[in-house]
Amino acid sequence: MKLLSKCSECGESKPFLTEIGSTLEIVYMCNDCYKKKYSDEERKEIEKDYLIPNFLKN
């Protein structure tokens, strides 16, 4: 049985999650929480390091 990842902010299991960090524990956020938490400048910095689909970037 496959476990679905959940948003670290709201706890929802959604089909598309953004990977925010990959240290010891991988952190995922749904698109809504990701946009609320990080400014446009911060998101650009995060997105430089990760392959994020274009439809999630805006």
C-alpha atoms as a PDB file:
ATOM      1  CA  MET A   1       0.000   0.000   0.000  1.00  0.00           C
ATOM      2  CA  LYS A   2       1.383   3.409  -1.011  1.00  0.00           C
ATOM      3  CA  LEU A   3       1.345   6.268   1.490  1.00  0.00           C
ATOM      4  CA  LEU A   4       0.395   9.646   0.074  1.00  0.00           C
ATOM      5  CA  SER A   5       2.418  12.679   1.070  1.00  0.00           C
ATOM      6  CA  LYS A   6       0.623  15.465   2.884  1.00  0.00           C
ATOM      7  CA  CYS A   7       1.030  19.223   2.951  1.00  0.00           C
ATOM      8  CA  SER A   8       3.167  20.191   5.954  1.00  0.00           C
ATOM      9  CA  GLU A   9       0.994  23.282   6.553  1.00  0.00           C
ATOM     10  CA  CYS A  10      -2.639  22.163   6.182  1.00  0.00           C
ATOM     11  CA  GLY A  11      -2.175  18.367   6.334  1.00  0.00           C
ATOM     12  CA  GLU A  12      -4.215  17.706   3.197  1.00  0.00           C
ATOM     13  CA  SER A  13      -3.290  14.865   0.853  1.00  0.00           C
ATOM     14  CA  LYS A  14      -3.466  16.513  -2.548  1.00  0.00           C
ATOM     15  CA  PRO A  15      -2.410  15.155  -5.952  1.00  0.00           C
ATOM     16  CA  PHE A  16       0.196  17.894  -6.521  1.00  0.00           C
ATOM     17  CA  LEU A  17       2.575  18.962  -3.784  1.00  0.00           C
ATOM     18  CA  THR A  18       5.652  21.184  -3.990  1.00  0.00           C
ATOM     19  CA  GLU A  19       8.864  19.882  -2.421  1.00  0.00           C
ATOM     20  CA  ILE A  20      10.236  22.663  -0.224  1.00  0.00           C
ATOM     21  CA  GLY A  21      13.208  21.007   1.439  1.00  0.00           C
ATOM     22  CA  SER A  22      15.032  17.753   1.241  1.00  0.00           C
ATOM     23  CA  THR A  23      17.261  17.534   4.268  1.00  0.00           C
ATOM     24  CA  LEU A  24      16.677  14.611   6.632  1.00  0.00           C
ATOM     25  CA  GLU A  25      12.928  14.944   6.164  1.00  0.00           C
ATOM     26  CA  ILE A  26      11.345  15.958   2.859  1.00  0.00           C
ATOM     27  CA  VAL A  27       8.837  18.788   3.305  1.00  0.00           C
ATOM     28  CA  TYR A  28       5.907  19.138   0.915  1.00  0.00           C
ATOM     29  CA  MET A  29       3.329  21.915   0.604  1.00  0.00           C
ATOM     30  CA  CYS A  30       0.164  22.198  -1.448  1.00  0.00           C
ATOM     31  CA  ASN A  31       0.084  25.018  -3.973  1.00  0.00           C
ATOM     32  CA  ASP A  32      -2.253  27.205  -1.876  1.00  0.00           C
ATOM     33  CA  CYS A  33      -0.135  27.001   1.299  1.00  0.00           C
ATOM     34  CA  TYR A  34       3.081  27.426  -0.703  1.00  0.00           C
ATOM     35  CA  LYS A  35       1.845  30.682  -2.237  1.00  0.00           C
ATOM     36  CA  LYS A  36       0.572  31.987   1.119  1.00  0.00           C
ATOM     37  CA  LYS A  37       3.788  31.249   2.995  1.00  0.00           C
ATOM     38  CA  TYR A  38       6.437  32.425   0.518  1.00  0.00           C
ATOM     39  CA  SER A  39       6.711  35.721  -1.360  1.00  0.00           C
ATOM     40  CA  ASP A  40       7.354  35.787  -5.112  1.00  0.00           C
ATOM     41  CA  GLU A  41      11.078  36.371  -4.502  1.00  0.00           C
ATOM     42  CA  GLU A  42      11.352  33.483  -2.051  1.00  0.00           C
ATOM     43  CA  ARG A  43       9.502  31.138  -4.424  1.00  0.00           C
ATOM     44  CA  LYS A  44      11.901  32.016  -7.261  1.00  0.00           C
ATOM     45  CA  GLU A  45      14.861  31.090  -5.042  1.00  0.00           C
ATOM     46  CA  ILE A  46      13.268  27.777  -4.044  1.00  0.00           C
ATOM     47  CA  GLU A  47      12.279  26.976  -7.635  1.00  0.00           C
ATOM     48  CA  LYS A  48      15.848  27.479  -8.899  1.00  0.00           C
ATOM     49  CA  ASP A  49      16.910  24.419  -6.887  1.00  0.00           C
ATOM     50  CA  TYR A  50      13.981  22.140  -7.727  1.00  0.00           C
ATOM     51  CA  LEU A  51      12.231  21.002 -10.871  1.00  0.00           C
ATOM     52  CA  ILE A  52       8.730  22.389 -10.361  1.00  0.00           C
ATOM     53  CA  PRO A  53       6.099  22.211 -13.110  1.00  0.00           C
ATOM     54  CA  ASN A  54       5.330  25.605 -14.644  1.00  0.00           C
ATOM     55  CA  PHE A  55       1.640  25.527 -13.724  1.00  0.00           C
ATOM     56  CA  LEU A  56       2.602  25.450 -10.018  1.00  0.00           C
ATOM     57  CA  LYS A  57       5.074  28.329 -10.245  1.00  0.00           C
ATOM     58  CA  ASN A  58       2.590  31.173 -10.807  1.00  0.00           C
END
